[in-house]
Amino acid sequence: MMFEDFFDTDVIEEVKRNTKTKTEFGLTVQGWEVVYTNVKCQLSAGILRATETGVINSSKNSYKIFVSNDVEIKQNDILIVNKGGIKYKFKANKPIKYTDFLEHQEISVEEVEKNET
């Protein structure tokens, strides 16, 4: 059974990583670089949970993304995910890789505002 048969319901359109590069003049430039495009995945939404007591509208969905181990997602990468035509923007937490009969990785992600990157 292949991973793709299970987890190809949704698409990570872009994985962006904050990278630092040195210019020819020795300056360090920081910016967002697209490291992957069109990665098949499955986006799973968890239950609502309150993030802070006493704050209005403080509930957040908890989301997880299941994706092949072939993709090297790193903590703090920004993922643009398309699920059924709706686009979501997430920040990745540290991936957990599974290497049992169904190799895949599970990434808990947080939804971020559209203008954060």
PDB file of N, CA and C in Angstrom:
ATOM      1  N   MET A   1       0.850  -1.180   0.000  1.00  0.00           N
ATOM      2  CA  MET A   1       0.000   0.000   0.000  1.00  0.00           C
ATOM      3  C   MET A   1       0.893   1.240   0.000  1.00  0.00           C
ATOM      4  N   MET A   2       0.635   2.134  -0.909  1.00  0.00           N
ATOM      5  CA  MET A   2       1.485   3.318  -1.022  1.00  0.00           C
ATOM      6  C   MET A   2       0.894   4.477  -0.223  1.00  0.00           C
ATOM      7  N   PHE A   3       1.779   5.295   0.299  1.00  0.00           N
ATOM      8  CA  PHE A   3       1.375   6.486   1.043  1.00  0.00           C
ATOM      9  C   PHE A   3       0.415   7.336   0.229  1.00  0.00           C
ATOM     10  N   GLU A   4       0.742   7.499  -1.065  1.00  0.00           N
ATOM     11  CA  GLU A   4      -0.038   8.395  -1.916  1.00  0.00           C
ATOM     12  C   GLU A   4      -1.497   7.973  -2.007  1.00  0.00           C
ATOM     13  N   ASP A   5      -1.763   6.666  -1.850  1.00  0.00           N
ATOM     14  CA  ASP A   5      -3.147   6.196  -1.928  1.00  0.00           C
ATOM     15  C   ASP A   5      -3.974   6.715  -0.754  1.00  0.00           C
ATOM     16  N   PHE A   6      -3.318   6.960   0.360  1.00  0.00           N
ATOM     17  CA  PHE A   6      -4.024   7.423   1.551  1.00  0.00           C
ATOM     18  C   PHE A   6      -4.148   8.930   1.603  1.00  0.00           C
ATOM     19  N   PHE A   7      -3.030   9.608   1.359  1.00  0.00           N
ATOM     20  CA  PHE A   7      -2.931  11.012   1.733  1.00  0.00           C
ATOM     21  C   PHE A   7      -2.824  11.934   0.536  1.00  0.00           C
ATOM     22  N   ASP A   8      -3.633  11.725  -0.471  1.00  0.00           N
ATOM     23  CA  ASP A   8      -3.529  12.620  -1.633  1.00  0.00           C
ATOM     24  C   ASP A   8      -4.806  13.404  -1.844  1.00  0.00           C
ATOM     25  N   THR A   9      -5.531  13.679  -0.750  1.00  0.00           N
ATOM     26  CA  THR A   9      -6.800  14.396  -0.884  1.00  0.00           C
ATOM     27  C   THR A   9      -6.589  15.900  -1.056  1.00  0.00           C
ATOM     28  N   ASP A  10      -5.468  16.414  -0.556  1.00  0.00           N
ATOM     29  CA  ASP A  10      -5.223  17.852  -0.548  1.00  0.00           C
ATOM     30  C   ASP A  10      -3.834  18.141  -1.106  1.00  0.00           C
ATOM     31  N   VAL A  11      -3.527  19.414  -1.291  1.00  0.00           N
ATOM     32  CA  VAL A  11      -2.251  19.789  -1.896  1.00  0.00           C
ATOM     33  C   VAL A  11      -1.599  20.922  -1.102  1.00  0.00           C
ATOM     34  N   ILE A  12      -0.312  20.737  -0.776  1.00  0.00           N
ATOM     35  CA  ILE A  12       0.474  21.864  -0.277  1.00  0.00           C
ATOM     36  C   ILE A  12       0.981  22.578  -1.520  1.00  0.00           C
ATOM     37  N   GLU A  13       0.416  23.747  -1.817  1.00  0.00           N
ATOM     38  CA  GLU A  13       0.786  24.453  -3.049  1.00  0.00           C
ATOM     39  C   GLU A  13       2.201  25.002  -2.964  1.00  0.00           C
ATOM     40  N   GLU A  14       2.570  25.472  -1.769  1.00  0.00           N
ATOM     41  CA  GLU A  14       3.924  26.011  -1.585  1.00  0.00           C
ATOM     42  C   GLU A  14       4.408  25.729  -0.174  1.00  0.00           C
ATOM     43  N   VAL A  15       5.681  25.376  -0.070  1.00  0.00           N
ATOM     44  CA  VAL A  15       6.370  25.345   1.215  1.00  0.00           C
ATOM     45  C   VAL A  15       7.416  26.446   1.155  1.00  0.00           C
ATOM     46  N   LYS A  16       7.298  27.419   2.065  1.00  0.00           N
ATOM     47  CA  LYS A  16       8.247  28.539   2.079  1.00  0.00           C
ATOM     48  C   LYS A  16       9.111  28.436   3.325  1.00  0.00           C
ATOM     49  N   ARG A  17      10.395  28.707   3.149  1.00  0.00           N
ATOM     50  CA  ARG A  17      11.344  28.626   4.253  1.00  0.00           C
ATOM     51  C   ARG A  17      12.083  29.947   4.379  1.00  0.00           C
ATOM     52  N   ASN A  18      12.266  30.378   5.609  1.00  0.00           N
ATOM     53  CA  ASN A  18      13.015  31.602   5.865  1.00  0.00           C
ATOM     54  C   ASN A  18      14.503  31.258   5.782  1.00  0.00           C
ATOM     55  N   THR A  19      15.178  31.803   4.790  1.00  0.00           N
ATOM     56  CA  THR A  19      16.580  31.463   4.566  1.00  0.00           C
ATOM     57  C   THR A  19      17.459  32.699   4.672  1.00  0.00           C
ATOM     58  N   LYS A  20      18.702  32.452   5.017  1.00  0.00           N
ATOM     59  CA  LYS A  20      19.695  33.525   5.046  1.00  0.00           C
ATOM     60  C   LYS A  20      20.748  33.200   3.999  1.00  0.00           C
ATOM     61  N   THR A  21      21.050  34.157   3.163  1.00  0.00           N
ATOM     62  CA  THR A  21      22.096  33.949   2.160  1.00  0.00           C
ATOM     63  C   THR A  21      23.041  35.137   2.188  1.00  0.00           C
ATOM     64  N   LYS A  22      24.269  34.878   1.828  1.00  0.00           N
ATOM     65  CA  LYS A  22      25.258  35.954   1.753  1.00  0.00           C
ATOM     66  C   LYS A  22      25.355  36.446   0.320  1.00  0.00           C
ATOM     67  N   THR A  23      25.354  37.752   0.144  1.00  0.00           N
ATOM     68  CA  THR A  23      25.508  38.333  -1.188  1.00  0.00           C
ATOM     69  C   THR A  23      26.989  38.344  -1.558  1.00  0.00           C
ATOM     70  N   GLU A  24      27.246  38.685  -2.807  1.00  0.00           N
ATOM     71  CA  GLU A  24      28.640  38.763  -3.249  1.00  0.00           C
ATOM     72  C   GLU A  24      29.429  39.816  -2.480  1.00  0.00           C
ATOM     73  N   PHE A  25      28.712  40.749  -1.832  1.00  0.00           N
ATOM     74  CA  PHE A  25      29.380  41.806  -1.067  1.00  0.00           C
ATOM     75  C   PHE A  25      29.517  41.433   0.411  1.00  0.00           C
ATOM     76  N   GLY A  26      29.145  40.198   0.760  1.00  0.00           N
ATOM     77  CA  GLY A  26      29.294  39.744   2.138  1.00  0.00           C
ATOM     78  C   GLY A  26      28.151  40.112   3.062  1.00  0.00           C
ATOM     79  N   LEU A  27      27.087  40.689   2.507  1.00  0.00           N
ATOM     80  CA  LEU A  27      25.923  41.028   3.332  1.00  0.00           C
ATOM     81  C   LEU A  27      25.036  39.792   3.486  1.00  0.00           C
ATOM     82  N   THR A  28      24.448  39.643   4.655  1.00  0.00           N
ATOM     83  CA  THR A  28      23.521  38.538   4.875  1.00  0.00           C
ATOM     84  C   THR A  28      22.104  39.035   4.583  1.00  0.00           C
ATOM     85  N   VAL A  29      21.432  38.352   3.702  1.00  0.00           N
ATOM     86  CA  VAL A  29      20.070  38.715   3.323  1.00  0.00           C
ATOM     87  C   VAL A  29      19.129  37.612   3.795  1.00  0.00           C
ATOM     88  N   GLN A  30      18.062  38.027   4.458  1.00  0.00           N
ATOM     89  CA  GLN A  30      17.087  37.070   4.950  1.00  0.00           C
ATOM     90  C   GLN A  30      15.822  37.211   4.126  1.00  0.00           C
ATOM     91  N   GLY A  31      15.212  36.080   3.775  1.00  0.00           N
ATOM     92  CA  GLY A  31      13.974  36.155   3.003  1.00  0.00           C
ATOM     93  C   GLY A  31      13.294  34.810   2.910  1.00  0.00           C
ATOM     94  N   TRP A  32      12.086  34.833   2.377  1.00  0.00           N
ATOM     95  CA  TRP A  32      11.310  33.598   2.217  1.00  0.00           C
ATOM     96  C   TRP A  32      11.586  33.004   0.848  1.00  0.00           C
ATOM     97  N   GLU A  33      11.904  31.714   0.853  1.00  0.00           N
ATOM     98  CA  GLU A  33      12.219  31.012  -0.387  1.00  0.00           C
ATOM     99  C   GLU A  33      11.263  29.835  -0.529  1.00  0.00           C
ATOM    100  N   VAL A  34      10.703  29.649  -1.708  1.00  0.00           N
ATOM    101  CA  VAL A  34       9.824  28.500  -1.955  1.00  0.00           C
ATOM    102  C   VAL A  34      10.707  27.276  -2.163  1.00  0.00           C
ATOM    103  N   VAL A  35      10.543  26.263  -1.301  1.00  0.00           N
ATOM    104  CA  VAL A  35      11.395  25.073  -1.384  1.00  0.00           C
ATOM    105  C   VAL A  35      10.674  23.865  -1.980  1.00  0.00           C
ATOM    106  N   TYR A  36       9.342  23.850  -1.945  1.00  0.00           N
ATOM    107  CA  TYR A  36       8.549  22.788  -2.582  1.00  0.00           C
ATOM    108  C   TYR A  36       7.276  23.408  -3.147  1.00  0.00           C
ATOM    109  N   THR A  37       6.753  22.801  -4.206  1.00  0.00           N
ATOM    110  CA  THR A  37       5.438  23.181  -4.717  1.00  0.00           C
ATOM    111  C   THR A  37       4.648  21.914  -5.031  1.00  0.00           C
ATOM    112  N   ASN A  38       3.320  22.031  -4.933  1.00  0.00           N
ATOM    113  CA  ASN A  38       2.388  20.961  -5.304  1.00  0.00           C
ATOM    114  C   ASN A  38       2.727  19.601  -4.701  1.00  0.00           C
ATOM    115  N   VAL A  39       2.750  19.564  -3.361  1.00  0.00           N
ATOM    116  CA  VAL A  39       3.005  18.329  -2.626  1.00  0.00           C
ATOM    117  C   VAL A  39       1.665  17.752  -2.182  1.00  0.00           C
ATOM    118  N   LYS A  40       1.424  16.488  -2.522  1.00  0.00           N
ATOM    119  CA  LYS A  40       0.169  15.849  -2.092  1.00  0.00           C
ATOM    120  C   LYS A  40       0.208  15.614  -0.601  1.00  0.00           C
ATOM    121  N   CYS A  41      -0.938  15.832   0.040  1.00  0.00           N
ATOM    122  CA  CYS A  41      -0.994  15.696   1.495  1.00  0.00           C
ATOM    123  C   CYS A  41      -2.436  15.428   1.908  1.00  0.00           C
ATOM    124  N   GLN A  42      -2.619  15.301   3.210  1.00  0.00           N
ATOM    125  CA  GLN A  42      -3.971  15.314   3.757  1.00  0.00           C
ATOM    126  C   GLN A  42      -3.991  16.278   4.924  1.00  0.00           C
ATOM    127  N   LEU A  43      -4.917  17.213   4.870  1.00  0.00           N
ATOM    128  CA  LEU A  43      -5.098  18.187   5.948  1.00  0.00           C
ATOM    129  C   LEU A  43      -6.227  17.700   6.841  1.00  0.00           C
ATOM    130  N   SER A  44      -5.952  17.605   8.115  1.00  0.00           N
ATOM    131  CA  SER A  44      -6.939  17.129   9.070  1.00  0.00           C
ATOM    132  C   SER A  44      -7.177  18.219  10.105  1.00  0.00           C
ATOM    133  N   ALA A  45      -8.437  18.565  10.340  1.00  0.00           N
ATOM    134  CA  ALA A  45      -8.769  19.597  11.324  1.00  0.00           C
ATOM    135  C   ALA A  45      -9.218  18.931  12.604  1.00  0.00           C
ATOM    136  N   GLY A  46      -8.625  19.364  13.707  1.00  0.00           N
ATOM    137  CA  GLY A  46      -9.003  18.825  15.010  1.00  0.00           C
ATOM    138  C   GLY A  46     -10.126  19.625  15.632  1.00  0.00           C
ATOM    139  N   ILE A  47     -10.297  19.441  16.907  1.00  0.00           N
ATOM    140  CA  ILE A  47     -11.378  20.130  17.612  1.00  0.00           C
ATOM    141  C   ILE A  47     -10.944  21.525  18.014  1.00  0.00           C
ATOM    142  N   LEU A  48     -11.917  22.362  18.261  1.00  0.00           N
ATOM    143  CA  LEU A  48     -11.621  23.715  18.745  1.00  0.00           C
ATOM    144  C   LEU A  48     -11.096  23.628  20.170  1.00  0.00           C
ATOM    145  N   ARG A  49     -10.109  24.436  20.459  1.00  0.00           N
ATOM    146  CA  ARG A  49      -9.611  24.488  21.828  1.00  0.00           C
ATOM    147  C   ARG A  49      -9.369  25.946  22.206  1.00  0.00           C
ATOM    148  N   ALA A  50      -9.593  26.258  23.432  1.00  0.00           N
ATOM    149  CA  ALA A  50      -9.353  27.627  23.891  1.00  0.00           C
ATOM    150  C   ALA A  50      -7.855  27.817  24.080  1.00  0.00           C
ATOM    151  N   THR A  51      -7.328  28.916  23.574  1.00  0.00           N
ATOM    152  CA  THR A  51      -5.893  29.157  23.690  1.00  0.00           C
ATOM    153  C   THR A  51      -5.558  29.933  24.950  1.00  0.00           C
ATOM    154  N   GLU A  52      -6.384  30.889  25.308  1.00  0.00           N
ATOM    155  CA  GLU A  52      -6.151  31.652  26.540  1.00  0.00           C
ATOM    156  C   GLU A  52      -7.492  31.924  27.187  1.00  0.00           C
ATOM    157  N   THR A  53      -7.513  31.877  28.490  1.00  0.00           N
ATOM    158  CA  THR A  53      -8.770  32.194  29.171  1.00  0.00           C
ATOM    159  C   THR A  53      -8.923  33.702  29.240  1.00  0.00           C
ATOM    160  N   GLY A  54     -10.148  34.148  29.135  1.00  0.00           N
ATOM    161  CA  GLY A  54     -10.425  35.565  29.274  1.00  0.00           C
ATOM    162  C   GLY A  54     -10.167  36.386  28.023  1.00  0.00           C
ATOM    163  N   VAL A  55      -9.807  35.758  26.936  1.00  0.00           N
ATOM    164  CA  VAL A  55      -9.580  36.501  25.695  1.00  0.00           C
ATOM    165  C   VAL A  55     -10.705  36.178  24.728  1.00  0.00           C
ATOM    166  N   ILE A  56     -11.308  37.205  24.176  1.00  0.00           N
ATOM    167  CA  ILE A  56     -12.417  36.988  23.240  1.00  0.00           C
ATOM    168  C   ILE A  56     -11.879  36.373  21.950  1.00  0.00           C
ATOM    169  N   ASN A  57     -12.637  35.455  21.376  1.00  0.00           N
ATOM    170  CA  ASN A  57     -12.260  34.791  20.122  1.00  0.00           C
ATOM    171  C   ASN A  57     -10.893  34.125  20.217  1.00  0.00           C
ATOM    172  N   SER A  58     -10.631  33.456  21.337  1.00  0.00           N
ATOM    173  CA  SER A  58      -9.310  32.876  21.509  1.00  0.00           C
ATOM    174  C   SER A  58      -9.259  31.399  21.136  1.00  0.00           C
ATOM    175  N   SER A  59     -10.379  30.862  20.647  1.00  0.00           N
ATOM    176  CA  SER A  59     -10.365  29.460  20.237  1.00  0.00           C
ATOM    177  C   SER A  59      -9.658  29.309  18.902  1.00  0.00           C
ATOM    178  N   LYS A  60      -8.979  28.172  18.755  1.00  0.00           N
ATOM    179  CA  LYS A  60      -8.290  27.905  17.490  1.00  0.00           C
ATOM    180  C   LYS A  60      -8.542  26.470  17.098  1.00  0.00           C
ATOM    181  N   ASN A  61      -8.625  26.236  15.809  1.00  0.00           N
ATOM    182  CA  ASN A  61      -8.638  24.861  15.346  1.00  0.00           C
ATOM    183  C   ASN A  61      -7.239  24.301  15.492  1.00  0.00           C
ATOM    184  N   SER A  62      -7.151  23.017  15.786  1.00  0.00           N
ATOM    185  CA  SER A  62      -5.844  22.384  15.718  1.00  0.00           C
ATOM    186  C   SER A  62      -5.823  21.609  14.403  1.00  0.00           C
ATOM    187  N   TYR A  63      -4.793  21.822  13.625  1.00  0.00           N
ATOM    188  CA  TYR A  63      -4.683  21.192  12.313  1.00  0.00           C
ATOM    189  C   TYR A  63      -3.464  20.294  12.266  1.00  0.00           C
ATOM    190  N   LYS A  64      -3.577  19.218  11.509  1.00  0.00           N
ATOM    191  CA  LYS A  64      -2.426  18.361  11.227  1.00  0.00           C
ATOM    192  C   LYS A  64      -2.359  18.126   9.735  1.00  0.00           C
ATOM    193  N   ILE A  65      -1.133  18.010   9.244  1.00  0.00           N
ATOM    194  CA  ILE A  65      -0.920  17.671   7.840  1.00  0.00           C
ATOM    195  C   ILE A  65      -0.153  16.362   7.799  1.00  0.00           C
ATOM    196  N   PHE A  66      -0.647  15.440   6.989  1.00  0.00           N
ATOM    197  CA  PHE A  66       0.020  14.160   6.775  1.00  0.00           C
ATOM    198  C   PHE A  66       0.641  14.208   5.386  1.00  0.00           C
ATOM    199  N   VAL A  67       1.916  13.871   5.310  1.00  0.00           N
ATOM    200  CA  VAL A  67       2.627  14.003   4.041  1.00  0.00           C
ATOM    201  C   VAL A  67       3.715  12.933   3.971  1.00  0.00           C
ATOM    202  N   SER A  68       4.177  12.652   2.768  1.00  0.00           N
ATOM    203  CA  SER A  68       5.213  11.654   2.550  1.00  0.00           C
ATOM    204  C   SER A  68       6.520  12.040   3.233  1.00  0.00           C
ATOM    205  N   ASN A  69       7.285  11.047   3.648  1.00  0.00           N
ATOM    206  CA  ASN A  69       8.608  11.288   4.251  1.00  0.00           C
ATOM    207  C   ASN A  69       9.609  11.813   3.228  1.00  0.00           C
ATOM    208  N   ASP A  70       9.273  11.769   1.944  1.00  0.00           N
ATOM    209  CA  ASP A  70      10.182  12.268   0.905  1.00  0.00           C
ATOM    210  C   ASP A  70      10.356  13.779   0.981  1.00  0.00           C
ATOM    211  N   VAL A  71       9.393  14.449   1.608  1.00  0.00           N
ATOM    212  CA  VAL A  71       9.419  15.911   1.673  1.00  0.00           C
ATOM    213  C   VAL A  71      10.052  16.328   2.993  1.00  0.00           C
ATOM    214  N   GLU A  72      11.004  17.238   2.934  1.00  0.00           N
ATOM    215  CA  GLU A  72      11.711  17.685   4.142  1.00  0.00           C
ATOM    216  C   GLU A  72      11.106  18.990   4.642  1.00  0.00           C
ATOM    217  N   ILE A  73      10.043  18.866   5.436  1.00  0.00           N
ATOM    218  CA  ILE A  73       9.407  20.043   6.026  1.00  0.00           C
ATOM    219  C   ILE A  73      10.140  20.350   7.333  1.00  0.00           C
ATOM    220  N   LYS A  74      10.410  21.620   7.577  1.00  0.00           N
ATOM    221  CA  LYS A  74      11.100  22.007   8.811  1.00  0.00           C
ATOM    222  C   LYS A  74      10.196  22.866   9.673  1.00  0.00           C
ATOM    223  N   GLN A  75      10.510  22.877  10.969  1.00  0.00           N
ATOM    224  CA  GLN A  75       9.761  23.724  11.895  1.00  0.00           C
ATOM    225  C   GLN A  75       9.848  25.170  11.423  1.00  0.00           C
ATOM    226  N   ASN A  76       8.722  25.880  11.503  1.00  0.00           N
ATOM    227  CA  ASN A  76       8.567  27.290  11.108  1.00  0.00           C
ATOM    228  C   ASN A  76       8.444  27.507   9.603  1.00  0.00           C
ATOM    229  N   ASP A  77       8.480  26.447   8.796  1.00  0.00           N
ATOM    230  CA  ASP A  77       8.156  26.605   7.376  1.00  0.00           C
ATOM    231  C   ASP A  77       6.716  27.097   7.262  1.00  0.00           C
ATOM    232  N   ILE A  78       6.444  27.858   6.215  1.00  0.00           N
ATOM    233  CA  ILE A  78       5.079  28.318   5.928  1.00  0.00           C
ATOM    234  C   ILE A  78       4.517  27.428   4.823  1.00  0.00           C
ATOM    235  N   LEU A  79       3.316  26.881   5.060  1.00  0.00           N
ATOM    236  CA  LEU A  79       2.686  25.969   4.101  1.00  0.00           C
ATOM    237  C   LEU A  79       1.392  26.586   3.598  1.00  0.00           C
ATOM    238  N   ILE A  80       1.265  26.692   2.284  1.00  0.00           N
ATOM    239  CA  ILE A  80       0.005  27.128   1.680  1.00  0.00           C
ATOM    240  C   ILE A  80      -0.702  25.848   1.213  1.00  0.00           C
ATOM    241  N   VAL A  81      -1.840  25.545   1.844  1.00  0.00           N
ATOM    242  CA  VAL A  81      -2.532  24.281   1.591  1.00  0.00           C
ATOM    243  C   VAL A  81      -3.875  24.542   0.922  1.00  0.00           C
ATOM    244  N   ASN A  82      -4.168  23.759  -0.112  1.00  0.00           N
ATOM    245  CA  ASN A  82      -5.451  23.837  -0.802  1.00  0.00           C
ATOM    246  C   ASN A  82      -6.253  22.589  -0.456  1.00  0.00           C
ATOM    247  N   LYS A  83      -7.383  22.795   0.205  1.00  0.00           N
ATOM    248  CA  LYS A  83      -8.279  21.681   0.542  1.00  0.00           C
ATOM    249  C   LYS A  83      -9.642  21.994  -0.049  1.00  0.00           C
ATOM    250  N   GLY A  84     -10.017  21.250  -1.060  1.00  0.00           N
ATOM    251  CA  GLY A  84     -11.322  21.448  -1.686  1.00  0.00           C
ATOM    252  C   GLY A  84     -11.530  22.839  -2.240  1.00  0.00           C
ATOM    253  N   GLY A  85     -10.443  23.451  -2.745  1.00  0.00           N
ATOM    254  CA  GLY A  85     -10.554  24.781  -3.329  1.00  0.00           C
ATOM    255  C   GLY A  85     -10.402  25.920  -2.328  1.00  0.00           C
ATOM    256  N   ILE A  86     -10.315  25.593  -1.052  1.00  0.00           N
ATOM    257  CA  ILE A  86     -10.116  26.623  -0.028  1.00  0.00           C
ATOM    258  C   ILE A  86      -8.639  26.620   0.364  1.00  0.00           C
ATOM    259  N   LYS A  87      -8.053  27.813   0.400  1.00  0.00           N
ATOM    260  CA  LYS A  87      -6.627  27.912   0.732  1.00  0.00           C
ATOM    261  C   LYS A  87      -6.439  28.279   2.190  1.00  0.00           C
ATOM    262  N   TYR A  88      -5.486  27.608   2.811  1.00  0.00           N
ATOM    263  CA  TYR A  88      -5.110  27.865   4.195  1.00  0.00           C
ATOM    264  C   TYR A  88      -3.627  28.192   4.234  1.00  0.00           C
ATOM    265  N   LYS A  89      -3.244  28.999   5.210  1.00  0.00           N
ATOM    266  CA  LYS A  89      -1.830  29.316   5.392  1.00  0.00           C
ATOM    267  C   LYS A  89      -1.440  28.904   6.801  1.00  0.00           C
ATOM    268  N   PHE A  90      -0.418  28.040   6.889  1.00  0.00           N
ATOM    269  CA  PHE A  90      -0.017  27.476   8.168  1.00  0.00           C
ATOM    270  C   PHE A  90       1.459  27.676   8.425  1.00  0.00           C
ATOM    271  N   LYS A  91       1.800  27.649   9.713  1.00  0.00           N
ATOM    272  CA  LYS A  91       3.204  27.575  10.129  1.00  0.00           C
ATOM    273  C   LYS A  91       3.406  26.188  10.708  1.00  0.00           C
ATOM    274  N   ALA A  92       4.472  25.512  10.265  1.00  0.00           N
ATOM    275  CA  ALA A  92       4.720  24.132  10.680  1.00  0.00           C
ATOM    276  C   ALA A  92       5.405  24.064  12.036  1.00  0.00           C
ATOM    277  N   ASN A  93       4.978  23.100  12.827  1.00  0.00           N
ATOM    278  CA  ASN A  93       5.725  22.717  14.022  1.00  0.00           C
ATOM    279  C   ASN A  93       6.675  21.583  13.618  1.00  0.00           C
ATOM    280  N   LYS A  94       7.407  21.052  14.575  1.00  0.00           N
ATOM    281  CA  LYS A  94       8.383  20.011  14.255  1.00  0.00           C
ATOM    282  C   LYS A  94       7.681  18.750  13.764  1.00  0.00           C
ATOM    283  N   PRO A  95       8.047  18.238  12.577  1.00  0.00           N
ATOM    284  CA  PRO A  95       7.401  17.035  12.043  1.00  0.00           C
ATOM    285  C   PRO A  95       7.749  15.787  12.853  1.00  0.00           C
ATOM    286  N   ILE A  96       6.809  14.857  12.895  1.00  0.00           N
ATOM    287  CA  ILE A  96       7.050  13.543  13.485  1.00  0.00           C
ATOM    288  C   ILE A  96       7.014  12.537  12.344  1.00  0.00           C
ATOM    289  N   LYS A  97       8.110  11.800  12.156  1.00  0.00           N
ATOM    290  CA  LYS A  97       8.176  10.843  11.046  1.00  0.00           C
ATOM    291  C   LYS A  97       7.885   9.438  11.548  1.00  0.00           C
ATOM    292  N   TYR A  98       7.085   8.715  10.767  1.00  0.00           N
ATOM    293  CA  TYR A  98       6.762   7.324  11.068  1.00  0.00           C
ATOM    294  C   TYR A  98       7.370   6.455   9.982  1.00  0.00           C
ATOM    295  N   THR A  99       7.981   5.352  10.399  1.00  0.00           N
ATOM    296  CA  THR A  99       8.632   4.473   9.415  1.00  0.00           C
ATOM    297  C   THR A  99       8.098   3.053   9.520  1.00  0.00           C
ATOM    298  N   ASP A 100       6.878   2.906  10.019  1.00  0.00           N
ATOM    299  CA  ASP A 100       6.282   1.571  10.109  1.00  0.00           C
ATOM    300  C   ASP A 100       5.701   1.171   8.757  1.00  0.00           C
ATOM    301  N   PHE A 101       4.688   0.325   8.750  1.00  0.00           N
ATOM    302  CA  PHE A 101       4.167  -0.187   7.480  1.00  0.00           C
ATOM    303  C   PHE A 101       3.666   0.913   6.552  1.00  0.00           C
ATOM    304  N   LEU A 102       3.275   2.043   7.114  1.00  0.00           N
ATOM    305  CA  LEU A 102       2.811   3.160   6.293  1.00  0.00           C
ATOM    306  C   LEU A 102       3.705   4.359   6.594  1.00  0.00           C
ATOM    307  N   GLU A 103       4.771   4.511   5.823  1.00  0.00           N
ATOM    308  CA  GLU A 103       5.729   5.589   6.082  1.00  0.00           C
ATOM    309  C   GLU A 103       5.102   6.934   5.743  1.00  0.00           C
ATOM    310  N   HIS A 104       5.160   7.844   6.701  1.00  0.00           N
ATOM    311  CA  HIS A 104       4.650   9.197   6.476  1.00  0.00           C
ATOM    312  C   HIS A 104       5.131  10.079   7.608  1.00  0.00           C
ATOM    313  N   GLN A 105       4.851  11.353   7.489  1.00  0.00           N
ATOM    314  CA  GLN A 105       5.123  12.257   8.603  1.00  0.00           C
ATOM    315  C   GLN A 105       3.875  13.048   8.936  1.00  0.00           C
ATOM    316  N   GLU A 106       3.794  13.389  10.196  1.00  0.00           N
ATOM    317  CA  GLU A 106       2.644  14.123  10.704  1.00  0.00           C
ATOM    318  C   GLU A 106       3.178  15.459  11.206  1.00  0.00           C
ATOM    319  N   ILE A 107       2.562  16.536  10.755  1.00  0.00           N
ATOM    320  CA  ILE A 107       3.022  17.863  11.130  1.00  0.00           C
ATOM    321  C   ILE A 107       1.854  18.619  11.733  1.00  0.00           C
ATOM    322  N   SER A 108       1.974  18.986  12.998  1.00  0.00           N
ATOM    323  CA  SER A 108       0.936  19.859  13.543  1.00  0.00           C
ATOM    324  C   SER A 108       1.273  21.267  13.091  1.00  0.00           C
ATOM    325  N   VAL A 109       0.247  21.991  12.685  1.00  0.00           N
ATOM    326  CA  VAL A 109       0.445  23.316  12.098  1.00  0.00           C
ATOM    327  C   VAL A 109      -0.490  24.318  12.752  1.00  0.00           C
ATOM    328  N   GLU A 110      -0.104  25.586  12.700  1.00  0.00           N
ATOM    329  CA  GLU A 110      -0.942  26.671  13.218  1.00  0.00           C
ATOM    330  C   GLU A 110      -1.315  27.579  12.066  1.00  0.00           C
ATOM    331  N   GLU A 111      -2.584  27.946  12.032  1.00  0.00           N
ATOM    332  CA  GLU A 111      -3.027  28.867  10.982  1.00  0.00           C
ATOM    333  C   GLU A 111      -2.419  30.239  11.253  1.00  0.00           C
ATOM    334  N   VAL A 112      -1.925  30.885  10.199  1.00  0.00           N
ATOM    335  CA  VAL A 112      -1.355  32.215  10.360  1.00  0.00           C
ATOM    336  C   VAL A 112      -2.125  33.204   9.488  1.00  0.00           C
ATOM    337  N   GLU A 113      -2.013  34.459   9.827  1.00  0.00           N
ATOM    338  CA  GLU A 113      -2.676  35.493   9.051  1.00  0.00           C
ATOM    339  C   GLU A 113      -2.037  35.585   7.680  1.00  0.00           C
ATOM    340  N   LYS A 114      -2.838  35.930   6.707  1.00  0.00           N
ATOM    341  CA  LYS A 114      -2.371  35.994   5.316  1.00  0.00           C
ATOM    342  C   LYS A 114      -1.178  36.937   5.129  1.00  0.00           C
ATOM    343  N   ASN A 115      -1.098  37.970   5.964  1.00  0.00           N
ATOM    344  CA  ASN A 115      -0.053  38.978   5.735  1.00  0.00           C
ATOM    345  C   ASN A 115       1.216  38.737   6.543  1.00  0.00           C
ATOM    346  N   GLU A 116       1.345  37.553   7.184  1.00  0.00           N
ATOM    347  CA  GLU A 116       2.532  37.325   8.009  1.00  0.00           C
ATOM    348  C   GLU A 116       3.786  37.042   7.192  1.00  0.00           C
ATOM    349  N   THR A 117       3.633  36.627   5.940  1.00  0.00           N
ATOM    350  CA  THR A 117       4.829  36.429   5.105  1.00  0.00           C
ATOM    351  C   THR A 117       4.555  36.974   3.720  1.00  0.00           C
TER     352      THR A 117
END
